[in-house]
Amino acid sequence: MAKPTPPKGGNIPTPLGQTIGAKAARKLKARRQRKQGVWVGLGMMGLVGWSVVVPTLLGAALGIWLDKHYPSSHSWTLALLMAGLVLGCVNAWVWVDKEDKAMHEAQEEEEDDA
């Protein structure tokens, strides 16, 4: 009887070898994620904060400028500050939702590999 030829890598795929390879890949991924955990979390909080603050301040600044140059019966500052706040919150929501979906997809792929 002829001996089966091993694949190009030289390793014969066995259930034990596949299990060990999957566990090793999960450990490496967990180590990479653990190192980034705190700093990535703080960075995300900063990004979410700035994505709300910047449009709010830009709206307020534009409103102040409009109130000085084009006075009217209503406050441009208050209206544009609120518009900037809403725009910033929507922007942050979209970004966080996109990151959440990416994390869930990665987690599902990891579970499928296991």
N, C-alpha and C. Protein backbone atom coordinates (compact mmCIF):
# COMPACT_ATOMS: atom_id res chain seq x y z
N MET A 1 0.82 -1.18 0.00
CA MET A 1 0.00 0.00 0.00
C MET A 1 0.87 1.25 0.00
N ALA A 2 0.49 2.23 -0.79
CA ALA A 2 1.29 3.45 -0.92
C ALA A 2 1.00 4.38 0.25
N LYS A 3 2.05 5.03 0.69
CA LYS A 3 1.95 5.98 1.79
C LYS A 3 1.36 7.30 1.26
N PRO A 4 0.39 7.93 1.98
CA PRO A 4 -0.18 9.18 1.48
C PRO A 4 0.89 10.28 1.47
N THR A 5 0.87 11.08 0.42
CA THR A 5 1.86 12.15 0.32
C THR A 5 1.42 13.34 1.16
N PRO A 6 2.35 13.87 1.93
CA PRO A 6 1.99 15.01 2.79
C PRO A 6 1.77 16.27 1.94
N PRO A 7 0.99 17.22 2.45
CA PRO A 7 0.79 18.48 1.74
C PRO A 7 2.11 19.25 1.61
N LYS A 8 2.09 20.33 0.86
CA LYS A 8 3.30 21.09 0.56
C LYS A 8 4.04 21.56 1.82
N GLY A 9 3.29 21.88 2.87
CA GLY A 9 3.93 22.35 4.10
C GLY A 9 4.67 21.26 4.83
N GLY A 10 4.44 20.00 4.48
CA GLY A 10 5.14 18.91 5.13
C GLY A 10 4.36 18.32 6.29
N ASN A 11 3.28 18.96 6.70
CA ASN A 11 2.50 18.47 7.83
C ASN A 11 1.28 17.71 7.33
N ILE A 12 1.03 16.57 7.93
CA ILE A 12 -0.17 15.81 7.59
C ILE A 12 -1.30 16.32 8.47
N PRO A 13 -2.39 16.84 7.87
CA PRO A 13 -3.47 17.37 8.70
C PRO A 13 -4.20 16.26 9.43
N THR A 14 -4.25 16.38 10.74
CA THR A 14 -4.98 15.43 11.57
C THR A 14 -5.91 16.23 12.46
N PRO A 15 -6.93 15.57 13.00
CA PRO A 15 -7.82 16.30 13.93
C PRO A 15 -7.05 16.89 15.12
N LEU A 16 -6.09 16.15 15.64
CA LEU A 16 -5.30 16.65 16.76
C LEU A 16 -4.48 17.87 16.34
N GLY A 17 -3.85 17.78 15.17
CA GLY A 17 -3.05 18.91 14.69
C GLY A 17 -3.90 20.15 14.44
N GLN A 18 -5.10 19.95 13.90
CA GLN A 18 -6.00 21.09 13.66
C GLN A 18 -6.45 21.70 14.97
N THR A 19 -6.74 20.87 15.97
CA THR A 19 -7.16 21.37 17.28
C THR A 19 -6.04 22.18 17.93
N ILE A 20 -4.84 21.65 17.88
CA ILE A 20 -3.70 22.36 18.47
C ILE A 20 -3.44 23.67 17.74
N GLY A 21 -3.53 23.65 16.43
CA GLY A 21 -3.33 24.88 15.66
C GLY A 21 -4.38 25.93 15.98
N ALA A 22 -5.64 25.53 16.13
CA ALA A 22 -6.71 26.46 16.45
C ALA A 22 -6.51 27.06 17.84
N LYS A 23 -6.10 26.22 18.80
CA LYS A 23 -5.86 26.73 20.16
C LYS A 23 -4.69 27.70 20.19
N ALA A 24 -3.65 27.40 19.46
CA ALA A 24 -2.50 28.29 19.41
C ALA A 24 -2.87 29.63 18.77
N ALA A 25 -3.67 29.59 17.72
CA ALA A 25 -4.10 30.84 17.07
C ALA A 25 -4.96 31.67 18.02
N ARG A 26 -5.84 31.02 18.79
CA ARG A 26 -6.67 31.76 19.76
C ARG A 26 -5.82 32.39 20.85
N LYS A 27 -4.80 31.66 21.33
CA LYS A 27 -3.92 32.21 22.36
C LYS A 27 -3.16 33.43 21.86
N LEU A 28 -2.65 33.34 20.64
CA LEU A 28 -1.93 34.49 20.07
C LEU A 28 -2.84 35.69 19.92
N LYS A 29 -4.05 35.46 19.45
CA LYS A 29 -5.00 36.56 19.29
C LYS A 29 -5.37 37.17 20.63
N ALA A 30 -5.57 36.34 21.64
CA ALA A 30 -5.91 36.83 22.98
C ALA A 30 -4.76 37.66 23.56
N ARG A 31 -3.53 37.24 23.35
CA ARG A 31 -2.38 38.02 23.83
C ARG A 31 -2.32 39.39 23.17
N ARG A 32 -2.57 39.42 21.85
CA ARG A 32 -2.55 40.71 21.14
C ARG A 32 -3.66 41.62 21.65
N GLN A 33 -4.84 41.08 21.88
CA GLN A 33 -5.96 41.89 22.33
C GLN A 33 -5.76 42.36 23.76
N ARG A 34 -5.16 41.56 24.60
CA ARG A 34 -4.96 41.92 25.99
C ARG A 34 -4.00 43.10 26.11
N LYS A 35 -2.97 43.12 25.29
CA LYS A 35 -2.01 44.21 25.34
C LYS A 35 -2.65 45.53 24.95
N GLN A 36 -3.60 45.51 24.03
CA GLN A 36 -4.21 46.73 23.54
C GLN A 36 -5.45 47.13 24.33
N GLY A 37 -5.97 46.28 25.18
CA GLY A 37 -7.26 46.50 25.82
C GLY A 37 -7.48 47.85 26.45
N VAL A 38 -6.63 48.23 27.40
CA VAL A 38 -6.82 49.48 28.14
C VAL A 38 -6.62 50.68 27.23
N TRP A 39 -5.55 50.66 26.48
CA TRP A 39 -5.24 51.82 25.64
C TRP A 39 -6.23 51.99 24.50
N VAL A 40 -6.66 50.88 23.93
CA VAL A 40 -7.66 50.97 22.86
C VAL A 40 -8.97 51.50 23.42
N GLY A 41 -9.34 51.05 24.60
CA GLY A 41 -10.57 51.54 25.24
C GLY A 41 -10.52 53.03 25.52
N LEU A 42 -9.39 53.49 26.05
CA LEU A 42 -9.24 54.92 26.32
C LEU A 42 -9.24 55.73 25.03
N GLY A 43 -8.61 55.19 24.01
CA GLY A 43 -8.59 55.87 22.72
C GLY A 43 -9.98 55.99 22.13
N MET A 44 -10.78 54.93 22.27
CA MET A 44 -12.16 54.97 21.77
C MET A 44 -12.98 56.01 22.52
N MET A 45 -12.81 56.08 23.84
CA MET A 45 -13.54 57.08 24.61
C MET A 45 -13.15 58.48 24.16
N GLY A 46 -11.88 58.68 23.89
CA GLY A 46 -11.43 59.99 23.42
C GLY A 46 -12.00 60.32 22.06
N LEU A 47 -12.02 59.35 21.16
CA LEU A 47 -12.59 59.59 19.82
C LEU A 47 -14.07 59.91 19.89
N VAL A 48 -14.80 59.18 20.72
CA VAL A 48 -16.22 59.43 20.85
C VAL A 48 -16.45 60.83 21.44
N GLY A 49 -15.67 61.18 22.44
CA GLY A 49 -15.80 62.50 23.06
C GLY A 49 -15.52 63.62 22.07
N TRP A 50 -14.42 63.49 21.34
CA TRP A 50 -14.08 64.53 20.37
C TRP A 50 -15.07 64.60 19.22
N SER A 51 -15.64 63.45 18.85
CA SER A 51 -16.61 63.47 17.74
C SER A 51 -17.90 64.19 18.15
N VAL A 52 -18.16 64.33 19.44
CA VAL A 52 -19.31 65.11 19.91
C VAL A 52 -18.91 66.56 20.18
N VAL A 53 -17.75 66.77 20.77
CA VAL A 53 -17.33 68.11 21.19
C VAL A 53 -17.04 69.02 19.98
N VAL A 54 -16.34 68.52 18.99
CA VAL A 54 -15.93 69.37 17.87
C VAL A 54 -17.13 69.96 17.12
N PRO A 55 -18.12 69.16 16.69
CA PRO A 55 -19.26 69.79 16.01
C PRO A 55 -20.04 70.75 16.91
N THR A 56 -20.12 70.43 18.20
CA THR A 56 -20.82 71.31 19.14
C THR A 56 -20.13 72.66 19.23
N LEU A 57 -18.81 72.65 19.40
CA LEU A 57 -18.07 73.92 19.49
C LEU A 57 -18.08 74.68 18.17
N LEU A 58 -18.00 73.97 17.06
CA LEU A 58 -18.08 74.65 15.76
C LEU A 58 -19.44 75.30 15.57
N GLY A 59 -20.50 74.62 15.96
CA GLY A 59 -21.84 75.20 15.88
C GLY A 59 -21.98 76.43 16.76
N ALA A 60 -21.44 76.36 17.98
CA ALA A 60 -21.51 77.52 18.88
C ALA A 60 -20.70 78.69 18.32
N ALA A 61 -19.51 78.41 17.79
CA ALA A 61 -18.68 79.49 17.24
C ALA A 61 -19.35 80.14 16.04
N LEU A 62 -19.93 79.34 15.16
CA LEU A 62 -20.63 79.89 14.01
C LEU A 62 -21.85 80.70 14.46
N GLY A 63 -22.54 80.20 15.49
CA GLY A 63 -23.69 80.92 16.02
C GLY A 63 -23.31 82.26 16.62
N ILE A 64 -22.21 82.31 17.35
CA ILE A 64 -21.74 83.58 17.93
C ILE A 64 -21.40 84.56 16.82
N TRP A 65 -20.72 84.06 15.79
CA TRP A 65 -20.36 84.94 14.67
C TRP A 65 -21.61 85.47 13.97
N LEU A 66 -22.59 84.60 13.74
CA LEU A 66 -23.83 85.04 13.10
C LEU A 66 -24.60 86.03 13.96
N ASP A 67 -24.62 85.81 15.30
CA ASP A 67 -25.32 86.74 16.19
C ASP A 67 -24.67 88.12 16.17
N LYS A 68 -23.34 88.19 16.05
CA LYS A 68 -22.65 89.48 16.01
C LYS A 68 -22.87 90.19 14.68
N HIS A 69 -22.82 89.45 13.57
CA HIS A 69 -22.88 90.07 12.25
C HIS A 69 -24.30 90.18 11.69
N TYR A 70 -25.19 89.29 12.07
CA TYR A 70 -26.57 89.29 11.56
C TYR A 70 -27.54 89.08 12.72
N PRO A 71 -27.70 90.09 13.57
CA PRO A 71 -28.60 89.93 14.72
C PRO A 71 -30.05 89.67 14.26
N SER A 72 -30.73 88.83 15.00
CA SER A 72 -32.12 88.53 14.68
C SER A 72 -32.89 88.32 15.99
N SER A 73 -34.16 87.99 15.87
CA SER A 73 -34.99 87.82 17.06
C SER A 73 -34.69 86.51 17.80
N HIS A 74 -34.10 85.54 17.12
CA HIS A 74 -33.76 84.28 17.78
C HIS A 74 -32.22 84.14 17.85
N SER A 75 -31.78 83.30 18.75
CA SER A 75 -30.34 83.12 18.99
C SER A 75 -29.76 82.07 18.04
N TRP A 76 -28.88 82.53 17.18
CA TRP A 76 -28.17 81.59 16.30
C TRP A 76 -27.24 80.71 17.13
N THR A 77 -26.67 81.27 18.18
CA THR A 77 -25.73 80.51 19.01
C THR A 77 -26.39 79.27 19.60
N LEU A 78 -27.54 79.47 20.20
CA LEU A 78 -28.24 78.34 20.83
C LEU A 78 -28.69 77.32 19.78
N ALA A 79 -29.23 77.81 18.67
CA ALA A 79 -29.73 76.89 17.63
C ALA A 79 -28.60 76.07 17.03
N LEU A 80 -27.49 76.71 16.70
CA LEU A 80 -26.38 75.98 16.08
C LEU A 80 -25.61 75.14 17.09
N LEU A 81 -25.60 75.56 18.35
CA LEU A 81 -24.98 74.72 19.39
C LEU A 81 -25.76 73.41 19.50
N MET A 82 -27.08 73.49 19.51
CA MET A 82 -27.89 72.27 19.59
C MET A 82 -27.75 71.42 18.32
N ALA A 83 -27.71 72.10 17.16
CA ALA A 83 -27.53 71.35 15.92
C ALA A 83 -26.18 70.62 15.91
N GLY A 84 -25.13 71.28 16.38
CA GLY A 84 -23.81 70.66 16.46
C GLY A 84 -23.80 69.49 17.43
N LEU A 85 -24.50 69.65 18.53
CA LEU A 85 -24.57 68.57 19.52
C LEU A 85 -25.29 67.35 18.94
N VAL A 86 -26.40 67.58 18.26
CA VAL A 86 -27.14 66.47 17.65
C VAL A 86 -26.28 65.80 16.57
N LEU A 87 -25.64 66.60 15.73
CA LEU A 87 -24.78 66.06 14.68
C LEU A 87 -23.63 65.24 15.28
N GLY A 88 -23.02 65.74 16.34
CA GLY A 88 -21.94 65.00 17.00
C GLY A 88 -22.40 63.71 17.62
N CYS A 89 -23.58 63.72 18.24
CA CYS A 89 -24.11 62.49 18.84
C CYS A 89 -24.44 61.44 17.78
N VAL A 90 -25.00 61.88 16.66
CA VAL A 90 -25.30 60.95 15.57
C VAL A 90 -24.00 60.38 15.01
N ASN A 91 -23.00 61.24 14.85
CA ASN A 91 -21.70 60.80 14.35
C ASN A 91 -21.09 59.75 15.29
N ALA A 92 -21.12 60.01 16.59
CA ALA A 92 -20.58 59.06 17.57
C ALA A 92 -21.37 57.76 17.56
N TRP A 93 -22.68 57.85 17.44
CA TRP A 93 -23.53 56.65 17.41
C TRP A 93 -23.18 55.77 16.22
N VAL A 94 -23.05 56.39 15.06
CA VAL A 94 -22.72 55.63 13.84
C VAL A 94 -21.35 54.97 13.99
N TRP A 95 -20.38 55.69 14.51
CA TRP A 95 -19.03 55.14 14.65
C TRP A 95 -19.02 53.98 15.65
N VAL A 96 -19.65 54.15 16.81
CA VAL A 96 -19.69 53.09 17.82
C VAL A 96 -20.44 51.88 17.29
N ASP A 97 -21.53 52.09 16.56
CA ASP A 97 -22.29 50.98 15.98
C ASP A 97 -21.43 50.21 14.98
N LYS A 98 -20.67 50.92 14.16
CA LYS A 98 -19.80 50.26 13.18
C LYS A 98 -18.73 49.44 13.88
N GLU A 99 -18.12 49.97 14.94
CA GLU A 99 -17.11 49.23 15.69
C GLU A 99 -17.71 48.02 16.38
N ASP A 100 -18.93 48.16 16.91
CA ASP A 100 -19.60 47.05 17.58
C ASP A 100 -19.87 45.91 16.59
N LYS A 101 -20.34 46.26 15.40
CA LYS A 101 -20.59 45.24 14.38
C LYS A 101 -19.29 44.54 13.98
N ALA A 102 -18.20 45.30 13.85
CA ALA A 102 -16.92 44.70 13.49
C ALA A 102 -16.44 43.74 14.57
N MET A 103 -16.62 44.12 15.85
CA MET A 103 -16.21 43.24 16.94
C MET A 103 -17.04 41.96 16.96
N HIS A 104 -18.35 42.08 16.72
CA HIS A 104 -19.21 40.89 16.71
C HIS A 104 -18.86 39.97 15.54
N GLU A 105 -18.56 40.55 14.38
CA GLU A 105 -18.18 39.73 13.22
C GLU A 105 -16.89 38.98 13.50
N ALA A 106 -15.92 39.66 14.12
CA ALA A 106 -14.65 39.01 14.45
C ALA A 106 -14.87 37.88 15.45
N GLN A 107 -15.75 38.13 16.41
CA GLN A 107 -16.04 37.11 17.42
C GLN A 107 -16.74 35.90 16.79
N GLU A 108 -17.65 36.14 15.85
CA GLU A 108 -18.33 35.05 15.18
C GLU A 108 -17.37 34.24 14.32
N GLU A 109 -16.44 34.93 13.65
CA GLU A 109 -15.45 34.22 12.86
C GLU A 109 -14.57 33.35 13.75
N GLU A 110 -14.23 33.88 14.94
CA GLU A 110 -13.40 33.11 15.86
C GLU A 110 -14.13 31.87 16.34
N GLU A 111 -15.44 32.02 16.62
CA GLU A 111 -16.23 30.88 17.06
C GLU A 111 -16.38 29.84 15.96
N ASP A 112 -16.49 30.32 14.71
CA ASP A 112 -16.61 29.40 13.59
C ASP A 112 -15.31 28.62 13.38
N ASP A 113 -14.17 29.27 13.64
CA ASP A 113 -12.88 28.61 13.49
C ASP A 113 -12.64 27.55 14.56
N ALA A 114 -13.27 27.74 15.72
CA ALA A 114 -13.03 26.80 16.84
C ALA A 114 -13.66 25.47 16.62
